[in-house]
Amino acid sequence: MWGRLVKGGTIFLAGVFIFLSLQPQKANAEELGPAVIENIRRTEFGLINYDQEADPYYGYIKGTIPVLISAPHGCKHYRTRESRWKEEDAYTSSLAIELGRLTGAHVLFLKNRAGEDPNNDIGTQYKKFLRKVVKKNGIRFVLDLHGAAADQPFKIDVGTMANVIEQSSCPTFRSIIEKNFSGFEEAIFNRRFAANGRGTVTCFARNTLRIEAAQIEINARYRIVESKTSGFKANSNDVLDLVKRLQGIVTEISQRIQSAGSGFPADNQTTTVAKES
């Protein structure tokens, strides 16, 4: 099953996390088609267990470029500070995995129900492992995927903590994100979900790991290929359009980082907004 879920990949049980060693199958945006949609659907149904616990609750796919795609809400999770369970952001983990396959990005994702909120709680297992991956692999950018309800008045909302460059989590790559979403939606930054909460992966990346990051909230109409819990289905062409744009963002940011080489700034931020302890 695992080999079918991630083409060219082999799964190894390695200590306390799932590790997928894969050979990325990079493709130009115009080459993407129905097979990508089917890959995403099969991964969601075969690998992502919304309400089943496991230790650890996350999985990791090692990549080949200095970019990591994160999906901290791909399964149910417990928001400790609010003392409540939250539903999964369906298909965010599967989208992250497919984008990793297409681009060579590292991927960290929820595969099982989490007894903490990896994106909201402070000091989570997820963020501790993220820190290790970033340090070991020289990651310079984190793209953090989240899900928004179908009735939200946007297709995507890109959270960069602030629009002021000095306080932004993504000053260097903002223009790349903006370019790739051109013609998709207007005013994409920090509309409702700015990712400026103290516990967010984006805030953690900026203020603790000292690398750039952006959170992308994706409307259900652009990510849910086929719901596992209801009859909802997004239009496949809309999902594919989103995948192409995200692929472009990851690829161009990676190229920008690698072309700069050792000259890429280690710390682009000059103002600390909040820091996770």
Protein backbone atom coordinates (compact mmCIF):
# COMPACT_ATOMS: atom_id res chain seq x y z
CA MET A 1 0.00 0.00 0.00
CA TRP A 2 2.73 2.46 0.94
CA GLY A 3 4.54 2.10 -2.34
CA ARG A 4 1.34 2.89 -4.21
CA LEU A 5 0.63 5.93 -2.08
CA VAL A 6 3.95 7.61 -2.77
CA LYS A 7 5.34 6.80 -6.18
CA GLY A 8 9.01 6.00 -6.20
CA GLY A 9 9.02 5.88 -2.43
CA THR A 10 9.73 3.34 0.26
CA ILE A 11 8.56 3.58 3.83
CA PHE A 12 10.78 2.83 6.79
CA LEU A 13 9.84 2.75 10.46
CA ALA A 14 12.64 4.82 11.92
CA GLY A 15 12.55 5.37 15.64
CA VAL A 16 9.67 7.56 16.64
CA PHE A 17 8.40 8.86 13.32
CA ILE A 18 7.33 7.71 9.90
CA PHE A 19 10.01 8.41 7.36
CA LEU A 20 9.36 8.25 3.64
CA SER A 21 12.41 8.23 1.41
CA LEU A 22 11.27 9.19 -2.06
CA GLN A 23 12.60 10.25 -5.39
CA PRO A 24 10.58 13.35 -6.32
CA GLN A 25 8.85 13.16 -9.67
CA LYS A 26 9.05 16.79 -10.69
CA ALA A 27 6.64 17.99 -13.34
CA ASN A 28 5.92 21.23 -15.11
CA ALA A 29 2.60 22.76 -14.15
CA GLU A 30 1.10 22.08 -17.57
CA GLU A 31 1.96 18.38 -17.21
CA LEU A 32 -0.13 17.91 -14.08
CA GLY A 33 -3.40 16.08 -14.59
CA PRO A 34 -5.92 13.59 -13.20
CA ALA A 35 -3.17 11.33 -11.80
CA VAL A 36 -2.27 14.05 -9.29
CA ILE A 37 -5.86 14.24 -8.06
CA GLU A 38 -5.99 10.46 -7.71
CA ASN A 39 -2.68 10.43 -5.80
CA ILE A 40 -4.09 12.95 -3.34
CA ARG A 41 -7.34 11.03 -2.88
CA ARG A 42 -5.61 7.68 -2.35
CA THR A 43 -3.20 9.18 0.16
CA GLU A 44 -6.04 10.73 2.16
CA PHE A 45 -7.98 7.46 2.27
CA GLY A 46 -5.00 5.16 2.77
CA LEU A 47 -2.64 7.04 5.09
CA ILE A 48 -4.44 9.80 6.99
CA ASN A 49 -6.36 8.54 10.05
CA TYR A 50 -8.44 11.43 11.36
CA ASP A 51 -9.63 9.86 14.60
CA GLN A 52 -7.09 7.10 15.31
CA GLU A 53 -4.29 7.75 17.79
CA ALA A 54 -0.65 6.77 17.27
CA ASP A 55 2.72 7.70 18.71
CA PRO A 56 3.99 9.73 17.07
CA TYR A 57 0.97 11.33 15.47
CA TYR A 58 2.98 12.93 12.67
CA GLY A 59 4.84 11.66 9.64
CA TYR A 60 7.91 13.03 7.88
CA ILE A 61 9.09 12.76 4.29
CA LYS A 62 12.70 13.72 3.67
CA GLY A 63 13.17 16.05 0.73
CA THR A 64 15.99 17.33 -1.45
CA ILE A 65 15.45 21.12 -1.44
CA PRO A 66 15.68 23.74 1.37
CA VAL A 67 11.89 24.07 1.66
CA LEU A 68 9.53 22.22 4.02
CA ILE A 69 5.77 21.86 3.59
CA SER A 70 3.86 21.53 6.85
CA ALA A 71 0.31 20.28 7.52
CA PRO A 72 -0.25 20.42 11.30
CA HIS A 73 -4.05 20.07 11.20
CA GLY A 74 -4.48 17.14 8.81
CA CYS A 75 -6.22 15.07 11.53
CA LYS A 76 -8.31 15.80 14.61
CA HIS A 77 -6.35 17.62 17.31
CA TYR A 78 -6.87 18.85 20.86
CA ARG A 79 -6.50 22.57 21.46
CA THR A 80 -5.22 22.56 25.02
CA ARG A 81 -5.73 26.22 25.84
CA GLU A 82 -9.39 26.00 24.79
CA SER A 83 -9.97 22.50 26.24
CA ARG A 84 -11.66 21.20 23.11
CA TRP A 85 -11.17 18.87 20.17
CA LYS A 86 -11.03 20.37 16.69
CA GLU A 87 -11.91 18.65 13.45
CA GLU A 88 -9.29 17.88 10.82
CA ASP A 89 -8.41 20.21 7.97
CA ALA A 90 -9.14 17.45 5.49
CA TYR A 91 -6.71 16.87 2.62
CA THR A 92 -4.07 19.31 3.87
CA SER A 93 -1.73 16.42 4.75
CA SER A 94 -2.36 14.72 1.40
CA LEU A 95 -1.81 17.97 -0.49
CA ALA A 96 1.46 18.49 1.36
CA ILE A 97 2.62 14.96 0.52
CA GLU A 98 1.78 15.36 -3.17
CA LEU A 99 3.53 18.73 -3.33
CA GLY A 100 6.59 17.14 -1.77
CA ARG A 101 6.54 14.44 -4.43
CA LEU A 102 6.25 17.03 -7.20
CA THR A 103 8.90 19.44 -5.93
CA GLY A 104 11.34 17.58 -3.69
CA ALA A 105 10.31 19.58 -0.61
CA HIS A 106 10.51 18.05 2.85
CA VAL A 107 7.07 17.28 4.29
CA LEU A 108 5.89 17.19 7.92
CA PHE A 109 2.24 16.25 8.36
CA LEU A 110 -0.38 14.82 10.70
CA LYS A 111 -1.18 11.18 9.99
CA ASN A 112 -3.13 10.45 13.19
CA ARG A 113 -5.24 12.20 15.81
CA ALA A 114 -3.12 14.44 18.04
CA GLY A 115 -3.68 14.99 21.75
CA GLU A 116 -2.33 18.52 21.35
CA ASP A 117 -2.70 21.24 18.75
CA PRO A 118 0.55 21.22 16.75
CA ASN A 119 -0.13 24.70 15.38
CA ASN A 120 -1.65 26.47 18.39
CA ASP A 121 -0.22 24.92 21.54
CA ILE A 122 3.21 25.91 22.81
CA GLY A 123 6.07 23.40 22.89
CA THR A 124 4.46 20.59 20.88
CA GLN A 125 6.09 17.37 19.69
CA TYR A 126 5.44 18.57 16.15
CA LYS A 127 7.41 21.79 16.56
CA LYS A 128 10.23 20.03 18.39
CA PHE A 129 10.62 17.66 15.47
CA LEU A 130 10.30 20.53 13.00
CA ARG A 131 13.22 22.25 14.73
CA LYS A 132 15.38 19.14 14.29
CA VAL A 133 14.51 18.79 10.60
CA VAL A 134 15.20 22.46 9.88
CA LYS A 135 18.57 22.36 11.63
CA LYS A 136 19.69 19.07 10.11
CA ASN A 137 18.67 19.85 6.53
CA GLY A 138 19.30 23.57 6.20
CA ILE A 139 15.64 24.40 5.60
CA ARG A 140 15.16 28.08 4.75
CA PHE A 141 11.40 28.30 4.17
CA VAL A 142 8.29 26.64 5.63
CA LEU A 143 4.97 26.58 3.77
CA ASP A 144 2.27 25.75 6.32
CA LEU A 145 -1.02 24.41 4.88
CA HIS A 146 -4.39 24.79 6.60
CA GLY A 147 -8.04 24.38 5.67
CA ALA A 148 -10.90 26.87 5.66
CA ALA A 149 -14.61 26.10 5.41
CA ALA A 150 -16.37 26.17 2.05
CA ASP A 151 -18.47 29.18 3.10
CA GLN A 152 -15.46 31.40 3.79
CA PRO A 153 -15.40 34.41 1.42
CA PHE A 154 -11.98 33.59 -0.02
CA LYS A 155 -10.22 30.87 -1.99
CA ILE A 156 -6.97 31.23 -0.09
CA ASP A 157 -5.69 33.45 2.70
CA VAL A 158 -1.92 33.78 3.06
CA GLY A 159 -0.82 34.56 6.61
CA THR A 160 2.53 36.27 7.01
CA MET A 161 1.96 37.73 10.52
CA ALA A 162 1.95 41.33 9.26
CA ASN A 163 1.92 43.35 6.06
CA VAL A 164 4.70 45.58 7.37
CA ILE A 165 7.89 44.09 5.92
CA GLU A 166 9.88 44.45 9.15
CA GLN A 167 7.31 42.35 11.02
CA SER A 168 6.46 39.92 8.23
CA SER A 169 7.31 36.22 8.41
CA CYS A 170 7.97 36.23 4.67
CA PRO A 171 9.62 39.45 3.45
CA THR A 172 11.92 37.86 0.87
CA PHE A 173 9.44 35.57 -0.87
CA ARG A 174 6.22 37.57 -0.67
CA SER A 175 6.48 38.62 -4.33
CA ILE A 176 6.87 34.99 -5.45
CA ILE A 177 3.69 34.00 -3.61
CA GLU A 178 1.84 37.01 -4.98
CA LYS A 179 2.93 36.27 -8.55
CA ASN A 180 1.86 32.63 -8.45
CA PHE A 181 -1.60 33.55 -7.17
CA SER A 182 -2.06 36.27 -9.79
CA GLY A 183 -5.44 35.83 -11.47
CA PHE A 184 -6.55 33.43 -8.74
CA GLU A 185 -7.63 35.87 -6.04
CA GLU A 186 -7.12 39.51 -5.13
CA ALA A 187 -5.74 40.74 -1.79
CA ILE A 188 -4.42 37.37 -0.65
CA PHE A 189 -2.38 38.40 2.41
CA ASN A 190 -3.52 38.46 6.05
CA ARG A 191 -7.23 38.89 5.37
CA ARG A 192 -8.52 36.84 8.31
CA PHE A 193 -5.83 34.33 9.29
CA ALA A 194 -2.58 36.25 9.68
CA ALA A 195 -0.76 33.40 11.49
CA ASN A 196 0.44 35.86 14.12
CA GLY A 197 -0.62 33.84 17.14
CA ARG A 198 2.21 32.91 19.47
CA GLY A 199 1.86 29.18 18.88
CA THR A 200 1.57 29.06 15.10
CA VAL A 201 4.10 27.18 13.01
CA THR A 202 4.67 30.37 11.04
CA CYS A 203 5.45 32.39 14.17
CA PHE A 204 7.65 29.58 15.49
CA ALA A 205 9.59 29.45 12.21
CA ARG A 206 10.14 33.20 12.11
CA ASN A 207 10.91 33.97 15.74
CA THR A 208 12.49 30.76 17.03
CA LEU A 209 13.97 29.03 13.99
CA ARG A 210 14.80 32.38 12.34
CA ILE A 211 13.68 31.32 8.89
CA GLU A 212 10.89 32.57 6.65
CA ALA A 213 7.43 31.02 6.55
CA ALA A 214 3.88 31.55 5.33
CA GLN A 215 0.58 29.98 6.34
CA ILE A 216 -1.93 29.26 3.58
CA GLU A 217 -5.59 28.75 4.48
CA ILE A 218 -7.25 26.83 1.64
CA ASN A 219 -11.00 26.87 1.09
CA ALA A 220 -12.59 23.40 1.06
CA ARG A 221 -13.73 24.04 -2.52
CA TYR A 222 -10.08 23.92 -3.60
CA ARG A 223 -8.73 21.00 -1.57
CA ILE A 224 -11.30 18.31 -0.69
CA VAL A 225 -11.07 15.88 -3.59
CA GLU A 226 -13.60 13.49 -2.05
CA SER A 227 -14.71 13.80 1.56
CA LYS A 228 -14.24 10.78 3.80
CA THR A 229 -17.04 11.91 6.12
CA SER A 230 -19.64 13.49 3.80
CA GLY A 231 -20.57 13.59 0.14
CA PHE A 232 -18.69 16.83 -0.52
CA LYS A 233 -16.40 16.94 -3.56
CA ALA A 234 -14.44 19.89 -4.87
CA ASN A 235 -14.15 20.45 -8.59
CA SER A 236 -11.03 18.54 -9.66
CA ASN A 237 -9.94 21.36 -11.97
CA ASP A 238 -10.05 23.81 -9.07
CA VAL A 239 -7.92 21.52 -6.90
CA LEU A 240 -5.46 21.00 -9.74
CA ASP A 241 -5.24 24.75 -10.31
CA LEU A 242 -4.32 25.23 -6.66
CA VAL A 243 -1.72 22.45 -6.78
CA LYS A 244 -0.07 24.04 -9.82
CA ARG A 245 0.17 27.40 -8.08
CA LEU A 246 1.56 25.92 -4.86
CA GLN A 247 4.05 23.90 -6.89
CA GLY A 248 5.18 27.10 -8.56
CA ILE A 249 5.65 28.82 -5.20
CA VAL A 250 7.73 25.99 -3.73
CA THR A 251 9.85 25.59 -6.86
CA GLU A 252 10.60 29.29 -7.29
CA ILE A 253 11.40 29.85 -3.63
CA SER A 254 13.78 26.87 -3.69
CA GLN A 255 15.47 28.20 -6.82
CA ARG A 256 15.82 31.63 -5.22
CA ILE A 257 17.43 30.18 -2.10
CA GLN A 258 19.79 27.89 -3.98
CA SER A 259 20.85 30.55 -6.48
CA ALA A 260 21.81 32.81 -3.57
CA GLY A 261 23.89 30.00 -2.04
CA SER A 262 25.75 30.92 1.11
CA GLY A 263 24.83 34.54 0.49
CA PHE A 264 21.20 33.92 1.46
CA PRO A 265 20.51 35.87 4.68
CA ALA A 266 20.41 33.77 7.81
CA ASP A 267 17.99 36.17 9.45
CA ASN A 268 15.82 38.56 7.47
CA GLN A 269 13.79 39.71 10.43
CA THR A 270 14.69 42.70 12.52
CA THR A 271 11.67 42.82 14.83
CA THR A 272 10.51 40.03 17.13
CA VAL A 273 6.72 40.02 17.54
CA ALA A 274 6.34 36.97 19.77
CA LYS A 275 8.59 34.11 20.68
CA GLU A 276 7.69 30.59 21.69
CA SER A 277 9.38 29.37 24.83
